C-alpha cells in the first residue's frame, strides 16, 4: 500500500487561490490513479478531480475551468491547484490513490472560502 500525506489548504477569500499537495510513499508503482475528493458538512464525499495512469484528467462539473490536477513524478506528489474559489468550495479535501487491489486516503485538509 501507499501512505499519503497532504499539505496546503486553509482560509481564503472568494475569488482567491490555493494549492493542495499529496505526497505518496510506499508501493507507488502499483498506483493506477489518484484523485482529489471533498466533503462538506452534511454532504457526501464527492470526486473533485482525478488523474489516471494514462494522464487523463477528469473534473467535476462544478470545478471545471477553475481547478487543475497535476503530478510531479520526481516528487511522487499530486497537486490540486484551485483558482476562482467560491464559498461552496468550502470542505475537507482528501487525496486518494487507487491500485487494482486497494485504495488509500490522505488525512484530509480543510479549505474554507469566505465571502
PDB file of N, CA and C in Angstrom:
ATOM      1  N   UNK A   1       0.841  -1.193   0.000  1.00  0.00           N
ATOM      2  CA  UNK A   1       0.000   0.000   0.000  1.00  0.00           C
ATOM      3  C   UNK A   1       0.873   1.238   0.000  1.00  0.00           C
ATOM      4  N   UNK A   2       0.215   2.392  -0.062  1.00  0.00           N
ATOM      5  CA  UNK A   2       0.938   3.653  -0.011  1.00  0.00           C
ATOM      6  C   UNK A   2       0.452   4.457   1.178  1.00  0.00           C
ATOM      7  N   UNK A   3       1.269   5.395   1.556  1.00  0.00           N
ATOM      8  CA  UNK A   3       0.893   6.380   2.565  1.00  0.00           C
ATOM      9  C   UNK A   3       0.798   7.724   1.854  1.00  0.00           C
ATOM     10  N   UNK A   4      -0.250   8.455   2.150  1.00  0.00           N
ATOM     11  CA  UNK A   4      -0.493   9.741   1.522  1.00  0.00           C
ATOM     12  C   UNK A   4      -0.493  10.824   2.593  1.00  0.00           C
ATOM     13  N   UNK A   5       0.325  11.839   2.392  1.00  0.00           N
ATOM     14  CA  UNK A   5       0.413  12.941   3.334  1.00  0.00           C
ATOM     15  C   UNK A   5       0.056  14.226   2.600  1.00  0.00           C
ATOM     16  N   UNK A   6      -0.973  14.889   3.072  1.00  0.00           N
ATOM     17  CA  UNK A   6      -1.470  16.090   2.436  1.00  0.00           C
ATOM     18  C   UNK A   6      -0.896  17.335   3.094  1.00  0.00           C
ATOM     19  N   UNK A   7      -0.820  18.397   2.310  1.00  0.00           N
ATOM     20  CA  UNK A   7      -0.451  19.706   2.829  1.00  0.00           C
ATOM     21  C   UNK A   7      -1.162  20.760   1.994  1.00  0.00           C
ATOM     22  N   UNK A   8      -1.164  21.969   2.529  1.00  0.00           N
ATOM     23  CA  UNK A   8      -1.869  23.056   1.857  1.00  0.00           C
ATOM     24  C   UNK A   8      -3.220  23.269   2.498  1.00  0.00           C
ATOM     25  N   UNK A   9      -4.044  24.018   1.845  1.00  0.00           N
ATOM     26  CA  UNK A   9      -5.350  24.331   2.378  1.00  0.00           C
ATOM     27  C   UNK A   9      -5.313  25.548   3.278  1.00  0.00           C
ATOM     28  N   UNK A  10      -6.447  25.810   3.922  1.00  0.00           N
ATOM     29  CA  UNK A  10      -6.531  26.953   4.824  1.00  0.00           C
ATOM     30  C   UNK A  10      -7.712  27.824   4.498  1.00  0.00           C
ATOM     31  N   UNK A  11      -7.592  29.090   4.876  1.00  0.00           N
ATOM     32  CA  UNK A  11      -8.664  30.067   4.707  1.00  0.00           C
ATOM     33  C   UNK A  11      -8.301  31.042   3.594  1.00  0.00           C
ATOM     34  N   UNK A  12      -9.243  31.275   2.695  1.00  0.00           N
ATOM     35  CA  UNK A  12      -9.011  32.185   1.583  1.00  0.00           C
ATOM     36  C   UNK A  12     -10.309  32.912   1.269  1.00  0.00           C
ATOM     37  N   UNK A  13     -10.200  34.093   0.738  1.00  0.00           N
ATOM     38  CA  UNK A  13     -11.389  34.835   0.333  1.00  0.00           C
ATOM     39  C   UNK A  13     -11.904  34.336  -1.015  1.00  0.00           C
ATOM     40  N   UNK A  14     -13.167  34.529  -1.234  1.00  0.00           N
ATOM     41  CA  UNK A  14     -13.762  34.143  -2.517  1.00  0.00           C
ATOM     42  C   UNK A  14     -13.007  34.824  -3.651  1.00  0.00           C
ATOM     43  N   UNK A  15     -12.768  34.044  -4.699  1.00  0.00           N
ATOM     44  CA  UNK A  15     -12.001  34.534  -5.835  1.00  0.00           C
ATOM     45  C   UNK A  15     -10.522  34.232  -5.731  1.00  0.00           C
ATOM     46  N   UNK A  16     -10.081  33.804  -4.566  1.00  0.00           N
ATOM     47  CA  UNK A  16      -8.670  33.527  -4.349  1.00  0.00           C
ATOM     48  C   UNK A  16      -8.254  32.150  -4.827  1.00  0.00           C
ATOM     49  N   UNK A  17      -6.998  31.830  -4.532  1.00  0.00           N
ATOM     50  CA  UNK A  17      -6.416  30.567  -4.985  1.00  0.00           C
ATOM     51  C   UNK A  17      -5.727  29.845  -3.832  1.00  0.00           C
ATOM     52  N   UNK A  18      -5.683  28.534  -3.955  1.00  0.00           N
ATOM     53  CA  UNK A  18      -4.953  27.681  -3.028  1.00  0.00           C
ATOM     54  C   UNK A  18      -4.411  26.489  -3.793  1.00  0.00           C
ATOM     55  N   UNK A  19      -3.342  25.904  -3.273  1.00  0.00           N
ATOM     56  CA  UNK A  19      -2.825  24.677  -3.852  1.00  0.00           C
ATOM     57  C   UNK A  19      -2.705  23.620  -2.772  1.00  0.00           C
ATOM     58  N   UNK A  20      -3.259  22.467  -3.062  1.00  0.00           N
ATOM     59  CA  UNK A  20      -3.137  21.314  -2.183  1.00  0.00           C
ATOM     60  C   UNK A  20      -2.096  20.353  -2.744  1.00  0.00           C
ATOM     61  N   UNK A  21      -1.360  19.723  -1.845  1.00  0.00           N
ATOM     62  CA  UNK A  21      -0.355  18.743  -2.242  1.00  0.00           C
ATOM     63  C   UNK A  21      -0.638  17.416  -1.561  1.00  0.00           C
ATOM     64  N   UNK A  22      -0.268  16.345  -2.228  1.00  0.00           N
ATOM     65  CA  UNK A  22      -0.454  14.999  -1.684  1.00  0.00           C
ATOM     66  C   UNK A  22       0.782  14.185  -2.048  1.00  0.00           C
ATOM     67  N   UNK A  23       1.617  13.932  -1.052  1.00  0.00           N
ATOM     68  CA  UNK A  23       2.861  13.201  -1.270  1.00  0.00           C
ATOM     69  C   UNK A  23       2.660  11.723  -0.952  1.00  0.00           C
ATOM     70  N   UNK A  24       3.051  10.884  -1.893  1.00  0.00           N
ATOM     71  CA  UNK A  24       2.869   9.447  -1.733  1.00  0.00           C
ATOM     72  C   UNK A  24       4.194   8.756  -1.424  1.00  0.00           C
ATOM     73  N   UNK A  25       4.129   7.747  -0.590  1.00  0.00           N
ATOM     74  CA  UNK A  25       5.291   6.904  -0.301  1.00  0.00           C
ATOM     75  C   UNK A  25       4.820   5.462  -0.165  1.00  0.00           C
ATOM     76  N   UNK A  26       5.738   4.526  -0.341  1.00  0.00           N
ATOM     77  CA  UNK A  26       5.377   3.116  -0.261  1.00  0.00           C
ATOM     78  C   UNK A  26       5.328   2.489  -1.643  1.00  0.00           C
ATOM     79  N   UNK A  27       4.304   1.694  -1.900  1.00  0.00           N
ATOM     80  CA  UNK A  27       4.178   0.942  -3.155  1.00  0.00           C
ATOM     81  C   UNK A  27       3.641   1.828  -4.278  1.00  0.00           C
ATOM     82  N   UNK A  28       4.425   2.821  -4.629  1.00  0.00           N
ATOM     83  CA  UNK A  28       3.960   3.826  -5.586  1.00  0.00           C
ATOM     84  C   UNK A  28       3.748   3.217  -6.966  1.00  0.00           C
ATOM     85  N   UNK A  29       4.560   2.246  -7.314  1.00  0.00           N
ATOM     86  CA  UNK A  29       4.464   1.657  -8.644  1.00  0.00           C
ATOM     87  C   UNK A  29       3.153   0.950  -8.913  1.00  0.00           C
ATOM     88  N   UNK A  30       2.405   0.620  -7.871  1.00  0.00           N
ATOM     89  CA  UNK A  30       1.138  -0.089  -8.060  1.00  0.00           C
ATOM     90  C   UNK A  30      -0.043   0.856  -8.220  1.00  0.00           C
ATOM     91  N   UNK A  31       0.183   2.151  -8.124  1.00  0.00           N
ATOM     92  CA  UNK A  31      -0.913   3.126  -8.224  1.00  0.00           C
ATOM     93  C   UNK A  31      -1.371   3.242  -9.671  1.00  0.00           C
ATOM     94  N   UNK A  32      -2.680   3.092  -9.889  1.00  0.00           N
ATOM     95  CA  UNK A  32      -3.268   3.262 -11.213  1.00  0.00           C
ATOM     96  C   UNK A  32      -3.820   4.660 -11.436  1.00  0.00           C
ATOM     97  N   UNK A  33      -4.317   5.247 -10.365  1.00  0.00           N
ATOM     98  CA  UNK A  33      -4.951   6.551 -10.484  1.00  0.00           C
ATOM     99  C   UNK A  33      -4.885   7.267  -9.146  1.00  0.00           C
ATOM    100  N   UNK A  34      -4.928   8.579  -9.216  1.00  0.00           N
ATOM    101  CA  UNK A  34      -5.016   9.383  -7.999  1.00  0.00           C
ATOM    102  C   UNK A  34      -6.065  10.442  -8.204  1.00  0.00           C
ATOM    103  N   UNK A  35      -6.667  10.856  -7.101  1.00  0.00           N
ATOM    104  CA  UNK A  35      -7.722  11.848  -7.219  1.00  0.00           C
ATOM    105  C   UNK A  35      -7.858  12.676  -5.972  1.00  0.00           C
ATOM    106  N   UNK A  36      -8.640  13.724  -6.122  1.00  0.00           N
ATOM    107  CA  UNK A  36      -8.994  14.591  -5.001  1.00  0.00           C
ATOM    108  C   UNK A  36     -10.503  14.528  -4.804  1.00  0.00           C
ATOM    109  N   UNK A  37     -10.899  14.386  -3.559  1.00  0.00           N
ATOM    110  CA  UNK A  37     -12.306  14.359  -3.174  1.00  0.00           C
ATOM    111  C   UNK A  37     -12.520  15.457  -2.141  1.00  0.00           C
ATOM    112  N   UNK A  38     -13.769  15.784  -1.912  1.00  0.00           N
ATOM    113  CA  UNK A  38     -14.081  16.738  -0.849  1.00  0.00           C
ATOM    114  C   UNK A  38     -15.391  16.357  -0.182  1.00  0.00           C
ATOM    115  N   UNK A  39     -15.499  16.767   1.063  1.00  0.00           N
ATOM    116  CA  UNK A  39     -16.708  16.510   1.824  1.00  0.00           C
ATOM    117  C   UNK A  39     -17.067  17.749   2.615  1.00  0.00           C
ATOM    118  N   UNK A  40     -18.202  18.318   2.289  1.00  0.00           N
ATOM    119  CA  UNK A  40     -18.711  19.475   3.008  1.00  0.00           C
ATOM    120  C   UNK A  40     -19.603  18.987   4.142  1.00  0.00           C
ATOM    121  N   UNK A  41     -19.797  19.805   5.163  1.00  0.00           N
ATOM    122  CA  UNK A  41     -20.638  19.391   6.296  1.00  0.00           C
ATOM    123  C   UNK A  41     -22.035  18.976   5.839  1.00  0.00           C
ATOM    124  N   UNK A  42     -22.458  17.803   6.285  1.00  0.00           N
ATOM    125  CA  UNK A  42     -23.789  17.325   5.950  1.00  0.00           C
ATOM    126  C   UNK A  42     -23.943  16.774   4.560  1.00  0.00           C
ATOM    127  N   UNK A  43     -22.838  16.689   3.818  1.00  0.00           N
ATOM    128  CA  UNK A  43     -22.901  16.194   2.448  1.00  0.00           C
ATOM    129  C   UNK A  43     -22.020  14.971   2.276  1.00  0.00           C
ATOM    130  N   UNK A  44     -22.274  14.225   1.207  1.00  0.00           N
ATOM    131  CA  UNK A  44     -21.448  13.067   0.912  1.00  0.00           C
ATOM    132  C   UNK A  44     -20.124  13.495   0.298  1.00  0.00           C
ATOM    133  N   UNK A  45     -19.139  12.637   0.462  1.00  0.00           N
ATOM    134  CA  UNK A  45     -17.847  12.893  -0.170  1.00  0.00           C
ATOM    135  C   UNK A  45     -18.017  12.783  -1.682  1.00  0.00           C
ATOM    136  N   UNK A  46     -17.430  13.726  -2.398  1.00  0.00           N
ATOM    137  CA  UNK A  46     -17.582  13.742  -3.844  1.00  0.00           C
ATOM    138  C   UNK A  46     -16.235  13.874  -4.530  1.00  0.00           C
ATOM    139  N   UNK A  47     -16.168  13.310  -5.734  1.00  0.00           N
ATOM    140  CA  UNK A  47     -14.961  13.428  -6.533  1.00  0.00           C
ATOM    141  C   UNK A  47     -14.840  14.846  -7.081  1.00  0.00           C
ATOM    142  N   UNK A  48     -13.652  15.406  -6.937  1.00  0.00           N
ATOM    143  CA  UNK A  48     -13.366  16.736  -7.468  1.00  0.00           C
ATOM    144  C   UNK A  48     -12.553  16.628  -8.755  1.00  0.00           C
ATOM    145  N   UNK A  49     -11.488  15.853  -8.708  1.00  0.00           N
ATOM    146  CA  UNK A  49     -10.609  15.720  -9.873  1.00  0.00           C
ATOM    147  C   UNK A  49      -9.867  14.399  -9.780  1.00  0.00           C
ATOM    148  N   UNK A  50      -9.595  13.804 -10.930  1.00  0.00           N
ATOM    149  CA  UNK A  50      -8.882  12.530 -10.959  1.00  0.00           C
ATOM    150  C   UNK A  50      -7.861  12.546 -12.078  1.00  0.00           C
ATOM    151  N   UNK A  51      -6.783  11.801 -11.847  1.00  0.00           N
ATOM    152  CA  UNK A  51      -5.696  11.694 -12.819  1.00  0.00           C
ATOM    153  C   UNK A  51      -5.341  10.226 -12.941  1.00  0.00           C
ATOM    154  N   UNK A  52      -5.500   9.676 -14.148  1.00  0.00           N
ATOM    155  CA  UNK A  52      -5.236   8.259 -14.336  1.00  0.00           C
ATOM    156  C   UNK A  52      -3.802   8.052 -14.812  1.00  0.00           C
ATOM    157  N   UNK A  53      -3.427   6.776 -14.867  1.00  0.00           N
ATOM    158  CA  UNK A  53      -2.078   6.453 -15.316  1.00  0.00           C
ATOM    159  C   UNK A  53      -1.819   6.876 -16.748  1.00  0.00           C
ATOM    160  N   UNK A  54      -2.878   6.960 -17.541  1.00  0.00           N
ATOM    161  CA  UNK A  54      -2.742   7.420 -18.913  1.00  0.00           C
ATOM    162  C   UNK A  54      -2.744   8.930 -19.020  1.00  0.00           C
ATOM    163  N   UNK A  55      -2.581   9.594 -17.895  1.00  0.00           N
ATOM    164  CA  UNK A  55      -2.539  11.052 -17.831  1.00  0.00           C
ATOM    165  C   UNK A  55      -3.848  11.693 -18.265  1.00  0.00           C
ATOM    166  N   UNK A  56      -4.938  10.979 -18.073  1.00  0.00           N
ATOM    167  CA  UNK A  56      -6.254  11.516 -18.378  1.00  0.00           C
ATOM    168  C   UNK A  56      -6.795  12.200 -17.137  1.00  0.00           C
ATOM    169  N   UNK A  57      -7.273  13.408 -17.326  1.00  0.00           N
ATOM    170  CA  UNK A  57      -7.803  14.196 -16.224  1.00  0.00           C
ATOM    171  C   UNK A  57      -9.318  14.283 -16.327  1.00  0.00           C
ATOM    172  N   UNK A  58      -9.967  14.090 -15.195  1.00  0.00           N
ATOM    173  CA  UNK A  58     -11.415  14.248 -15.113  1.00  0.00           C
ATOM    174  C   UNK A  58     -11.736  15.201 -13.976  1.00  0.00           C
ATOM    175  N   UNK A  59     -12.739  16.023 -14.205  1.00  0.00           N
ATOM    176  CA  UNK A  59     -13.129  17.023 -13.211  1.00  0.00           C
ATOM    177  C   UNK A  59     -14.631  16.992 -12.996  1.00  0.00           C
ATOM    178  N   UNK A  60     -15.014  17.306 -11.765  1.00  0.00           N
ATOM    179  CA  UNK A  60     -16.430  17.539 -11.502  1.00  0.00           C
ATOM    180  C   UNK A  60     -16.853  18.786 -12.267  1.00  0.00           C
ATOM    181  N   UNK A  61     -18.090  18.795 -12.722  1.00  0.00           N
ATOM    182  CA  UNK A  61     -18.579  19.940 -13.490  1.00  0.00           C
ATOM    183  C   UNK A  61     -18.448  21.239 -12.689  1.00  0.00           C
ATOM    184  N   UNK A  62     -18.601  21.144 -11.395  1.00  0.00           N
ATOM    185  CA  UNK A  62     -18.601  22.338 -10.553  1.00  0.00           C
ATOM    186  C   UNK A  62     -17.234  23.008 -10.467  1.00  0.00           C
ATOM    187  N   UNK A  63     -16.166  22.297 -10.842  1.00  0.00           N
ATOM    188  CA  UNK A  63     -14.826  22.874 -10.712  1.00  0.00           C
ATOM    189  C   UNK A  63     -14.114  23.014 -12.056  1.00  0.00           C
ATOM    190  N   UNK A  64     -14.733  22.562 -13.123  1.00  0.00           N
ATOM    191  CA  UNK A  64     -14.093  22.657 -14.444  1.00  0.00           C
ATOM    192  C   UNK A  64     -13.754  24.107 -14.769  1.00  0.00           C
ATOM    193  N   UNK A  65     -12.547  24.292 -15.262  1.00  0.00           N
ATOM    194  CA  UNK A  65     -12.090  25.627 -15.600  1.00  0.00           C
ATOM    195  C   UNK A  65     -11.520  26.400 -14.431  1.00  0.00           C
ATOM    196  N   UNK A  66     -11.674  25.880 -13.224  1.00  0.00           N
ATOM    197  CA  UNK A  66     -11.149  26.570 -12.036  1.00  0.00           C
ATOM    198  C   UNK A  66     -10.074  25.757 -11.319  1.00  0.00           C
ATOM    199  N   UNK A  67     -10.211  24.448 -11.316  1.00  0.00           N
ATOM    200  CA  UNK A  67      -9.262  23.576 -10.614  1.00  0.00           C
ATOM    201  C   UNK A  67      -8.432  22.800 -11.631  1.00  0.00           C
ATOM    202  N   UNK A  68      -7.187  22.511 -11.262  1.00  0.00           N
ATOM    203  CA  UNK A  68      -6.308  21.719 -12.115  1.00  0.00           C
ATOM    204  C   UNK A  68      -5.583  20.681 -11.273  1.00  0.00           C
ATOM    205  N   UNK A  69      -5.659  19.430 -11.699  1.00  0.00           N
ATOM    206  CA  UNK A  69      -4.915  18.361 -11.039  1.00  0.00           C
ATOM    207  C   UNK A  69      -3.653  18.100 -11.842  1.00  0.00           C
ATOM    208  N   UNK A  70      -2.552  17.914 -11.131  1.00  0.00           N
ATOM    209  CA  UNK A  70      -1.289  17.653 -11.803  1.00  0.00           C
ATOM    210  C   UNK A  70      -0.422  16.785 -10.899  1.00  0.00           C
ATOM    211  N   UNK A  71       0.669  16.308 -11.441  1.00  0.00           N
ATOM    212  CA  UNK A  71       1.566  15.488 -10.633  1.00  0.00           C
ATOM    213  C   UNK A  71       3.019  15.758 -10.992  1.00  0.00           C
ATOM    214  N   UNK A  72       3.860  15.536 -10.011  1.00  0.00           N
ATOM    215  CA  UNK A  72       5.303  15.618 -10.190  1.00  0.00           C
ATOM    216  C   UNK A  72       5.854  14.241  -9.861  1.00  0.00           C
ATOM    217  N   UNK A  73       6.186  13.485 -10.892  1.00  0.00           N
ATOM    218  CA  UNK A  73       6.631  12.112 -10.661  1.00  0.00           C
ATOM    219  C   UNK A  73       7.927  12.049  -9.867  1.00  0.00           C
ATOM    220  N   UNK A  74       8.775  13.034 -10.053  1.00  0.00           N
ATOM    221  CA  UNK A  74      10.049  13.036  -9.334  1.00  0.00           C
ATOM    222  C   UNK A  74       9.849  13.182  -7.833  1.00  0.00           C
ATOM    223  N   UNK A  75       8.782  13.861  -7.466  1.00  0.00           N
ATOM    224  CA  UNK A  75       8.488  14.086  -6.045  1.00  0.00           C
ATOM    225  C   UNK A  75       7.389  13.168  -5.529  1.00  0.00           C
ATOM    226  N   UNK A  76       6.855  12.294  -6.408  1.00  0.00           N
ATOM    227  CA  UNK A  76       5.746  11.411  -6.016  1.00  0.00           C
ATOM    228  C   UNK A  76       4.612  12.209  -5.378  1.00  0.00           C
ATOM    229  N   UNK A  77       4.292  13.315  -5.984  1.00  0.00           N
ATOM    230  CA  UNK A  77       3.316  14.238  -5.403  1.00  0.00           C
ATOM    231  C   UNK A  77       2.276  14.619  -6.441  1.00  0.00           C
ATOM    232  N   UNK A  78       1.039  14.670  -5.990  1.00  0.00           N
ATOM    233  CA  UNK A  78      -0.067  15.141  -6.811  1.00  0.00           C
ATOM    234  C   UNK A  78      -0.564  16.453  -6.222  1.00  0.00           C
ATOM    235  N   UNK A  79      -0.929  17.354  -7.105  1.00  0.00           N
ATOM    236  CA  UNK A  79      -1.364  18.686  -6.675  1.00  0.00           C
ATOM    237  C   UNK A  79      -2.791  18.950  -7.138  1.00  0.00           C
ATOM    238  N   UNK A  80      -3.445  19.823  -6.407  1.00  0.00           N
ATOM    239  CA  UNK A  80      -4.721  20.369  -6.852  1.00  0.00           C
ATOM    240  C   UNK A  80      -4.613  21.877  -6.743  1.00  0.00           C
ATOM    241  N   UNK A  81      -4.505  22.514  -7.892  1.00  0.00           N
ATOM    242  CA  UNK A  81      -4.470  23.969  -7.936  1.00  0.00           C
ATOM    243  C   UNK A  81      -5.899  24.469  -8.053  1.00  0.00           C
ATOM    244  N   UNK A  82      -6.303  25.283  -7.116  1.00  0.00           N
ATOM    245  CA  UNK A  82      -7.677  25.780  -7.071  1.00  0.00           C
ATOM    246  C   UNK A  82      -7.664  27.280  -7.244  1.00  0.00           C
ATOM    247  N   UNK A  83      -8.383  27.751  -8.241  1.00  0.00           N
ATOM    248  CA  UNK A  83      -8.474  29.181  -8.505  1.00  0.00           C
ATOM    249  C   UNK A  83      -9.944  29.568  -8.593  1.00  0.00           C
ATOM    250  N   UNK A  84     -10.190  30.862  -8.502  1.00  0.00           N
ATOM    251  CA  UNK A  84     -11.570  31.316  -8.564  1.00  0.00           C
ATOM    252  C   UNK A  84     -12.436  30.650  -7.519  1.00  0.00           C
ATOM    253  N   UNK A  85     -11.901  30.519  -6.314  1.00  0.00           N
ATOM    254  CA  UNK A  85     -12.609  29.775  -5.267  1.00  0.00           C
ATOM    255  C   UNK A  85     -13.914  30.446  -4.884  1.00  0.00           C
ATOM    256  N   UNK A  86     -14.897  29.609  -4.608  1.00  0.00           N
ATOM    257  CA  UNK A  86     -16.230  30.058  -4.218  1.00  0.00           C
ATOM    258  C   UNK A  86     -16.535  29.546  -2.818  1.00  0.00           C
ATOM    259  N   UNK A  87     -17.492  30.182  -2.156  1.00  0.00           N
ATOM    260  CA  UNK A  87     -17.830  29.743  -0.804  1.00  0.00           C
ATOM    261  C   UNK A  87     -18.292  28.283  -0.802  1.00  0.00           C
ATOM    262  N   UNK A  88     -18.913  27.863  -1.880  1.00  0.00           N
ATOM    263  CA  UNK A  88     -19.385  26.477  -1.953  1.00  0.00           C
ATOM    264  C   UNK A  88     -18.261  25.464  -2.134  1.00  0.00           C
ATOM    265  N   UNK A  89     -17.040  25.927  -2.315  1.00  0.00           N
ATOM    266  CA  UNK A  89     -15.889  25.023  -2.357  1.00  0.00           C
ATOM    267  C   UNK A  89     -15.400  24.662  -0.958  1.00  0.00           C
ATOM    268  N   UNK A  90     -15.963  25.304   0.051  1.00  0.00           N
ATOM    269  CA  UNK A  90     -15.569  25.019   1.429  1.00  0.00           C
ATOM    270  C   UNK A  90     -15.860  23.562   1.767  1.00  0.00           C
ATOM    271  N   UNK A  91     -14.836  22.853   2.222  1.00  0.00           N
ATOM    272  CA  UNK A  91     -14.968  21.427   2.519  1.00  0.00           C
ATOM    273  C   UNK A  91     -13.642  20.904   3.059  1.00  0.00           C
ATOM    274  N   UNK A  92     -13.677  19.688   3.523  1.00  0.00           N
ATOM    275  CA  UNK A  92     -12.439  18.962   3.801  1.00  0.00           C
ATOM    276  C   UNK A  92     -12.067  18.222   2.518  1.00  0.00           C
ATOM    277  N   UNK A  93     -10.845  18.410   2.086  1.00  0.00           N
ATOM    278  CA  UNK A  93     -10.371  17.814   0.843  1.00  0.00           C
ATOM    279  C   UNK A  93      -9.459  16.629   1.166  1.00  0.00           C
ATOM    280  N   UNK A  94      -9.671  15.543   0.432  1.00  0.00           N
ATOM    281  CA  UNK A  94      -8.904  14.315   0.626  1.00  0.00           C
ATOM    282  C   UNK A  94      -8.270  13.895  -0.695  1.00  0.00           C
ATOM    283  N   UNK A  95      -7.055  13.431  -0.638  1.00  0.00           N
ATOM    284  CA  UNK A  95      -6.499  12.779  -1.814  1.00  0.00           C
ATOM    285  C   UNK A  95      -6.662  11.272  -1.649  1.00  0.00           C
ATOM    286  N   UNK A  96      -6.689  10.595  -2.779  1.00  0.00           N
ATOM    287  CA  UNK A  96      -6.918   9.158  -2.796  1.00  0.00           C
ATOM    288  C   UNK A  96      -6.046   8.529  -3.873  1.00  0.00           C
ATOM    289  N   UNK A  97      -5.495   7.370  -3.553  1.00  0.00           N
ATOM    290  CA  UNK A  97      -4.734   6.592  -4.527  1.00  0.00           C
ATOM    291  C   UNK A  97      -5.406   5.238  -4.704  1.00  0.00           C
ATOM    292  N   UNK A  98      -5.497   4.802  -5.942  1.00  0.00           N
ATOM    293  CA  UNK A  98      -6.120   3.523  -6.254  1.00  0.00           C
ATOM    294  C   UNK A  98      -5.147   2.624  -6.992  1.00  0.00           C
ATOM    295  N   UNK A  99      -5.093   1.362  -6.556  1.00  0.00           N
ATOM    296  CA  UNK A  99      -4.421   0.334  -7.331  1.00  0.00           C
ATOM    297  C   UNK A  99      -5.494  -0.651  -7.782  1.00  0.00           C
ATOM    298  N   UNK A 100      -5.084  -1.763  -8.343  1.00  0.00           N
ATOM    299  CA  UNK A 100      -6.068  -2.763  -8.770  1.00  0.00           C
ATOM    300  C   UNK A 100      -6.647  -3.526  -7.588  1.00  0.00           C
ATOM    301  N   UNK A 101      -5.997  -3.413  -6.420  1.00  0.00           N
ATOM    302  CA  UNK A 101      -6.447  -4.216  -5.282  1.00  0.00           C
ATOM    303  C   UNK A 101      -6.746  -3.413  -4.022  1.00  0.00           C
ATOM    304  N   UNK A 102      -6.339  -2.176  -3.929  1.00  0.00           N
ATOM    305  CA  UNK A 102      -6.582  -1.388  -2.712  1.00  0.00           C
ATOM    306  C   UNK A 102      -6.737   0.083  -3.055  1.00  0.00           C
ATOM    307  N   UNK A 103      -7.225   0.816  -2.066  1.00  0.00           N
ATOM    308  CA  UNK A 103      -7.306   2.268  -2.133  1.00  0.00           C
ATOM    309  C   UNK A 103      -6.739   2.832  -0.841  1.00  0.00           C
ATOM    310  N   UNK A 104      -6.162   3.998  -0.935  1.00  0.00           N
ATOM    311  CA  UNK A 104      -5.618   4.660   0.249  1.00  0.00           C
ATOM    312  C   UNK A 104      -6.037   6.113   0.231  1.00  0.00           C
ATOM    313  N   UNK A 105      -6.259   6.683   1.434  1.00  0.00           N
ATOM    314  CA  UNK A 105      -6.705   8.069   1.577  1.00  0.00           C
ATOM    315  C   UNK A 105      -5.675   8.877   2.338  1.00  0.00           C
ATOM    316  N   UNK A 106      -5.608  10.150   1.983  1.00  0.00           N
ATOM    317  CA  UNK A 106      -4.844  11.079   2.783  1.00  0.00           C
ATOM    318  C   UNK A 106      -5.629  11.452   4.027  1.00  0.00           C
ATOM    319  N   UNK A 107      -4.989  12.265   4.875  1.00  0.00           N
ATOM    320  CA  UNK A 107      -5.594  12.571   6.179  1.00  0.00           C
ATOM    321  C   UNK A 107      -6.668  13.648   6.093  1.00  0.00           C
ATOM    322  N   UNK A 108      -6.765  14.322   4.970  1.00  0.00           N
ATOM    323  CA  UNK A 108      -7.751  15.383   4.825  1.00  0.00           C
ATOM    324  C   UNK A 108      -7.185  16.734   5.224  1.00  0.00           C
ATOM    325  N   UNK A 109      -7.648  17.771   4.537  1.00  0.00           N
ATOM    326  CA  UNK A 109      -7.225  19.119   4.865  1.00  0.00           C
ATOM    327  C   UNK A 109      -8.398  20.066   4.638  1.00  0.00           C
ATOM    328  N   UNK A 110      -8.562  21.002   5.547  1.00  0.00           N
ATOM    329  CA  UNK A 110      -9.699  21.912   5.482  1.00  0.00           C
ATOM    330  C   UNK A 110      -9.421  23.058   4.520  1.00  0.00           C
ATOM    331  N   UNK A 111     -10.379  23.318   3.659  1.00  0.00           N
ATOM    332  CA  UNK A 111     -10.364  24.505   2.803  1.00  0.00           C
ATOM    333  C   UNK A 111     -11.620  25.301   3.131  1.00  0.00           C
ATOM    334  N   UNK A 112     -11.421  26.545   3.533  1.00  0.00           N
ATOM    335  CA  UNK A 112     -12.536  27.415   3.879  1.00  0.00           C
ATOM    336  C   UNK A 112     -12.458  28.664   3.011  1.00  0.00           C
ATOM    337  N   UNK A 113     -13.541  28.924   2.297  1.00  0.00           N
ATOM    338  CA  UNK A 113     -13.607  30.090   1.422  1.00  0.00           C
ATOM    339  C   UNK A 113     -14.614  31.059   2.015  1.00  0.00           C
ATOM    340  N   UNK A 114     -14.160  32.253   2.341  1.00  0.00           N
ATOM    341  CA  UNK A 114     -15.016  33.259   2.954  1.00  0.00           C
ATOM    342  C   UNK A 114     -15.533  34.234   1.899  1.00  0.00           C
ATOM    343  N   UNK A 115     -16.700  34.759   2.149  1.00  0.00           N
ATOM    344  CA  UNK A 115     -17.314  35.689   1.183  1.00  0.00           C
ATOM    345  C   UNK A 115     -16.843  37.114   1.413  1.00  0.00           C
TER     346      UNK A 115
END
